[in-house]
Amino acid sequence: MKAVLITAFIVIAAVLALALSCPDEQSFDRWIEKTSHNESDSLMAQAGDKVLSTQEQLTAKYDTKVLWASVETRHGMAKARYIGLFGMWFEIAEK
């Protein structure tokens, strides 16, 4: 009985943590801007202002759930999917 109560408490705590820390669109925008700047440092040296035009061409479709958020981005012909959990973003697929 004690094990069941502990397990139930852990599950409830995990669901509550997911719900309270679900990232929003603004956090994704900040995250993608930060990661694109980190990845583009070498590109800036090689390609000048191409990074600015690349960032302008990025389109994103947000889908927010109660416990998580997902984003599908399109940059030209390339597509990528991201999932937001516990206030962080993770890339889950790239096409």
N, C-alpha and C. Protein backbone atom coordinates (compact mmCIF):
# COMPACT_ATOMS: atom_id res chain seq x y z
N MET A 1 0.82 -1.20 0.00
CA MET A 1 0.00 0.00 0.00
C MET A 1 0.86 1.26 0.00
N LYS A 2 1.92 1.20 0.77
CA LYS A 2 2.82 2.35 0.85
C LYS A 2 3.48 2.61 -0.51
N ALA A 3 3.86 1.54 -1.20
CA ALA A 3 4.50 1.68 -2.51
C ALA A 3 3.55 2.29 -3.53
N VAL A 4 2.29 1.94 -3.46
CA VAL A 4 1.29 2.48 -4.38
C VAL A 4 1.12 3.99 -4.14
N LEU A 5 1.07 4.39 -2.89
CA LEU A 5 0.94 5.82 -2.58
C LEU A 5 2.17 6.61 -3.03
N ILE A 6 3.34 6.05 -2.85
CA ILE A 6 4.57 6.73 -3.29
C ILE A 6 4.60 6.85 -4.80
N THR A 7 4.23 5.78 -5.49
CA THR A 7 4.19 5.80 -6.96
C THR A 7 3.17 6.83 -7.45
N ALA A 8 1.99 6.87 -6.83
CA ALA A 8 0.97 7.83 -7.23
C ALA A 8 1.46 9.26 -6.99
N PHE A 9 2.12 9.50 -5.88
CA PHE A 9 2.66 10.82 -5.58
C PHE A 9 3.70 11.23 -6.62
N ILE A 10 4.57 10.31 -7.01
CA ILE A 10 5.60 10.61 -8.03
C ILE A 10 4.96 10.93 -9.37
N VAL A 11 3.95 10.18 -9.76
CA VAL A 11 3.27 10.42 -11.04
C VAL A 11 2.57 11.78 -11.01
N ILE A 12 1.88 12.09 -9.93
CA ILE A 12 1.20 13.38 -9.81
C ILE A 12 2.20 14.53 -9.83
N ALA A 13 3.33 14.35 -9.15
CA ALA A 13 4.36 15.39 -9.13
C ALA A 13 4.94 15.61 -10.52
N ALA A 14 5.16 14.53 -11.28
CA ALA A 14 5.71 14.64 -12.63
C ALA A 14 4.73 15.36 -13.56
N VAL A 15 3.46 15.01 -13.48
CA VAL A 15 2.44 15.66 -14.32
C VAL A 15 2.32 17.14 -13.96
N LEU A 16 2.33 17.45 -12.68
CA LEU A 16 2.27 18.83 -12.24
C LEU A 16 3.49 19.62 -12.72
N ALA A 17 4.67 19.01 -12.65
CA ALA A 17 5.89 19.68 -13.12
C ALA A 17 5.82 19.93 -14.63
N LEU A 18 5.32 18.96 -15.38
CA LEU A 18 5.16 19.16 -16.83
C LEU A 18 4.20 20.31 -17.13
N ALA A 19 3.08 20.34 -16.43
CA ALA A 19 2.07 21.37 -16.69
C ALA A 19 2.58 22.76 -16.33
N LEU A 20 3.29 22.87 -15.23
CA LEU A 20 3.76 24.19 -14.80
C LEU A 20 4.96 24.70 -15.59
N SER A 21 5.70 23.81 -16.23
CA SER A 21 6.90 24.23 -16.93
C SER A 21 6.78 24.13 -18.45
N CYS A 22 5.57 24.02 -18.95
CA CYS A 22 5.37 23.93 -20.40
C CYS A 22 5.85 25.22 -21.07
N PRO A 23 6.82 25.13 -22.00
CA PRO A 23 7.34 26.35 -22.63
C PRO A 23 6.33 26.96 -23.60
N ASP A 24 6.46 28.27 -23.84
CA ASP A 24 5.56 28.98 -24.72
C ASP A 24 6.26 29.38 -26.02
N GLU A 25 5.52 30.07 -26.88
CA GLU A 25 6.06 30.48 -28.18
C GLU A 25 7.25 31.43 -28.02
N GLN A 26 7.17 32.33 -27.06
CA GLN A 26 8.27 33.28 -26.86
C GLN A 26 9.54 32.56 -26.43
N SER A 27 9.42 31.53 -25.61
CA SER A 27 10.61 30.80 -25.20
C SER A 27 11.22 30.05 -26.39
N PHE A 28 10.38 29.54 -27.31
CA PHE A 28 10.91 28.90 -28.50
C PHE A 28 11.63 29.91 -29.39
N ASP A 29 11.02 31.09 -29.55
CA ASP A 29 11.65 32.13 -30.37
C ASP A 29 13.02 32.51 -29.80
N ARG A 30 13.09 32.67 -28.47
CA ARG A 30 14.38 32.99 -27.84
C ARG A 30 15.37 31.85 -28.03
N TRP A 31 14.91 30.61 -27.86
CA TRP A 31 15.79 29.44 -27.97
C TRP A 31 16.31 29.29 -29.40
N ILE A 32 15.45 29.41 -30.40
CA ILE A 32 15.88 29.23 -31.80
C ILE A 32 16.81 30.35 -32.21
N GLU A 33 16.57 31.57 -31.71
CA GLU A 33 17.47 32.68 -32.02
C GLU A 33 18.84 32.43 -31.39
N LYS A 34 18.85 31.96 -30.16
CA LYS A 34 20.11 31.68 -29.47
C LYS A 34 20.88 30.55 -30.15
N THR A 35 20.19 29.47 -30.51
CA THR A 35 20.88 28.35 -31.16
C THR A 35 21.33 28.70 -32.57
N SER A 36 20.55 29.52 -33.28
CA SER A 36 20.97 29.90 -34.63
C SER A 36 22.19 30.81 -34.57
N HIS A 37 22.29 31.66 -33.55
CA HIS A 37 23.49 32.49 -33.40
C HIS A 37 24.69 31.64 -33.03
N ASN A 38 24.51 30.65 -32.17
CA ASN A 38 25.62 29.78 -31.78
C ASN A 38 26.13 28.97 -32.97
N GLU A 39 25.20 28.45 -33.78
CA GLU A 39 25.59 27.65 -34.93
C GLU A 39 26.15 28.52 -36.06
N SER A 40 25.76 29.78 -36.10
CA SER A 40 26.13 30.61 -37.24
C SER A 40 27.38 31.43 -37.01
N ASP A 41 28.05 31.28 -35.87
CA ASP A 41 29.27 32.04 -35.65
C ASP A 41 30.29 31.79 -36.75
N SER A 42 30.50 30.53 -37.12
CA SER A 42 31.44 30.26 -38.19
C SER A 42 30.88 30.68 -39.55
N LEU A 43 29.56 30.58 -39.69
CA LEU A 43 28.93 31.00 -40.94
C LEU A 43 29.06 32.51 -41.14
N MET A 44 28.99 33.24 -40.03
CA MET A 44 29.12 34.70 -40.14
C MET A 44 30.47 35.07 -40.73
N ALA A 45 31.49 34.38 -40.31
CA ALA A 45 32.82 34.65 -40.84
C ALA A 45 32.89 34.30 -42.31
N GLN A 46 32.17 33.24 -42.72
CA GLN A 46 32.23 32.78 -44.10
C GLN A 46 31.24 33.47 -45.02
N ALA A 47 30.04 33.74 -44.52
CA ALA A 47 28.98 34.16 -45.42
C ALA A 47 28.42 35.55 -45.12
N GLY A 48 28.97 36.27 -44.21
CA GLY A 48 28.51 37.63 -43.95
C GLY A 48 27.12 37.70 -43.41
N ASP A 49 26.24 38.39 -44.09
CA ASP A 49 24.89 38.64 -43.59
C ASP A 49 23.87 37.59 -44.03
N LYS A 50 24.29 36.44 -44.51
CA LYS A 50 23.33 35.41 -44.91
C LYS A 50 22.51 34.91 -43.74
N VAL A 51 23.04 34.98 -42.56
CA VAL A 51 22.32 34.51 -41.37
C VAL A 51 21.05 35.31 -41.18
N LEU A 52 21.09 36.61 -41.40
CA LEU A 52 19.91 37.43 -41.22
C LEU A 52 18.83 37.04 -42.21
N SER A 53 19.20 36.80 -43.45
CA SER A 53 18.20 36.41 -44.44
C SER A 53 17.68 35.01 -44.14
N THR A 54 18.52 34.13 -43.60
CA THR A 54 18.09 32.78 -43.24
C THR A 54 17.06 32.83 -42.13
N GLN A 55 17.30 33.64 -41.12
CA GLN A 55 16.38 33.73 -40.00
C GLN A 55 15.04 34.30 -40.43
N GLU A 56 15.03 35.22 -41.40
CA GLU A 56 13.78 35.80 -41.87
C GLU A 56 12.93 34.78 -42.60
N GLN A 57 13.53 33.76 -43.21
CA GLN A 57 12.80 32.79 -44.00
C GLN A 57 12.23 31.65 -43.16
N LEU A 58 12.54 31.59 -41.88
CA LEU A 58 12.08 30.53 -41.01
C LEU A 58 10.61 30.75 -40.64
N THR A 59 9.78 29.74 -40.88
CA THR A 59 8.39 29.80 -40.45
C THR A 59 8.14 28.69 -39.44
N ALA A 60 7.28 28.95 -38.48
CA ALA A 60 7.04 27.97 -37.43
C ALA A 60 5.54 27.83 -37.17
N LYS A 61 5.13 26.59 -36.91
CA LYS A 61 3.74 26.29 -36.55
C LYS A 61 3.75 25.73 -35.13
N TYR A 62 3.14 26.44 -34.21
CA TYR A 62 3.13 26.07 -32.79
C TYR A 62 1.89 25.24 -32.47
N ASP A 63 2.06 24.27 -31.60
CA ASP A 63 0.95 23.45 -31.12
C ASP A 63 1.17 23.25 -29.62
N THR A 64 0.42 23.96 -28.80
CA THR A 64 0.62 23.91 -27.36
C THR A 64 -0.42 23.00 -26.73
N LYS A 65 0.05 22.05 -25.95
CA LYS A 65 -0.80 21.17 -25.16
C LYS A 65 -0.68 21.59 -23.70
N VAL A 66 -1.36 20.92 -22.82
CA VAL A 66 -1.29 21.24 -21.40
C VAL A 66 0.06 20.85 -20.81
N LEU A 67 0.58 19.68 -21.21
CA LEU A 67 1.81 19.17 -20.62
C LEU A 67 3.05 19.42 -21.45
N TRP A 68 2.91 19.70 -22.74
CA TRP A 68 4.06 19.93 -23.61
C TRP A 68 3.66 20.85 -24.75
N ALA A 69 4.66 21.26 -25.51
CA ALA A 69 4.42 22.07 -26.70
C ALA A 69 5.23 21.48 -27.83
N SER A 70 4.74 21.60 -29.03
CA SER A 70 5.50 21.13 -30.19
C SER A 70 5.51 22.23 -31.25
N VAL A 71 6.58 22.24 -32.02
CA VAL A 71 6.75 23.24 -33.07
C VAL A 71 7.25 22.54 -34.32
N GLU A 72 6.64 22.86 -35.44
CA GLU A 72 7.14 22.39 -36.74
C GLU A 72 7.64 23.60 -37.49
N THR A 73 8.92 23.58 -37.87
CA THR A 73 9.50 24.71 -38.58
C THR A 73 9.77 24.33 -40.02
N ARG A 74 9.76 25.34 -40.84
CA ARG A 74 10.09 25.14 -42.25
C ARG A 74 11.04 26.26 -42.65
N HIS A 75 12.13 25.85 -43.24
CA HIS A 75 13.12 26.81 -43.74
C HIS A 75 13.44 26.37 -45.16
N GLY A 76 12.82 27.03 -46.13
CA GLY A 76 12.97 26.59 -47.51
C GLY A 76 12.29 25.23 -47.66
N MET A 77 13.05 24.23 -48.10
CA MET A 77 12.52 22.87 -48.25
C MET A 77 12.77 22.02 -47.01
N ALA A 78 13.56 22.49 -46.08
CA ALA A 78 13.90 21.72 -44.88
C ALA A 78 12.83 21.90 -43.81
N LYS A 79 12.44 20.79 -43.18
CA LYS A 79 11.48 20.82 -42.10
C LYS A 79 12.13 20.24 -40.85
N ALA A 80 11.72 20.74 -39.70
CA ALA A 80 12.21 20.20 -38.43
C ALA A 80 11.08 20.26 -37.42
N ARG A 81 11.09 19.32 -36.48
CA ARG A 81 10.09 19.29 -35.40
C ARG A 81 10.82 19.38 -34.07
N TYR A 82 10.23 20.13 -33.16
CA TYR A 82 10.78 20.32 -31.82
C TYR A 82 9.70 20.05 -30.80
N ILE A 83 10.11 19.60 -29.62
CA ILE A 83 9.17 19.39 -28.52
C ILE A 83 9.69 20.15 -27.31
N GLY A 84 8.78 20.77 -26.59
CA GLY A 84 9.14 21.52 -25.40
C GLY A 84 8.63 20.80 -24.16
N LEU A 85 9.56 20.43 -23.29
CA LEU A 85 9.24 19.74 -22.03
C LEU A 85 10.06 20.36 -20.92
N PHE A 86 9.45 20.51 -19.75
CA PHE A 86 10.14 21.02 -18.57
C PHE A 86 10.88 22.33 -18.85
N GLY A 87 10.30 23.19 -19.68
CA GLY A 87 10.89 24.50 -19.96
C GLY A 87 12.06 24.47 -20.93
N MET A 88 12.31 23.34 -21.59
CA MET A 88 13.42 23.21 -22.55
C MET A 88 12.87 22.72 -23.88
N TRP A 89 13.63 23.01 -24.94
CA TRP A 89 13.26 22.59 -26.29
C TRP A 89 14.24 21.53 -26.79
N PHE A 90 13.70 20.51 -27.48
CA PHE A 90 14.51 19.44 -28.04
C PHE A 90 14.10 19.20 -29.48
N GLU A 91 15.08 19.02 -30.36
CA GLU A 91 14.77 18.68 -31.75
C GLU A 91 14.49 17.19 -31.80
N ILE A 92 13.32 16.82 -32.37
CA ILE A 92 12.95 15.41 -32.41
C ILE A 92 12.99 14.83 -33.82
N ALA A 93 12.94 15.67 -34.84
CA ALA A 93 12.98 15.16 -36.21
C ALA A 93 13.40 16.27 -37.16
N GLU A 94 14.13 15.86 -38.18
CA GLU A 94 14.53 16.80 -39.23
C GLU A 94 14.32 16.10 -40.56
N LYS A 95 13.64 16.78 -41.47
CA LYS A 95 13.34 16.18 -42.79
C LYS A 95 14.07 16.95 -43.86
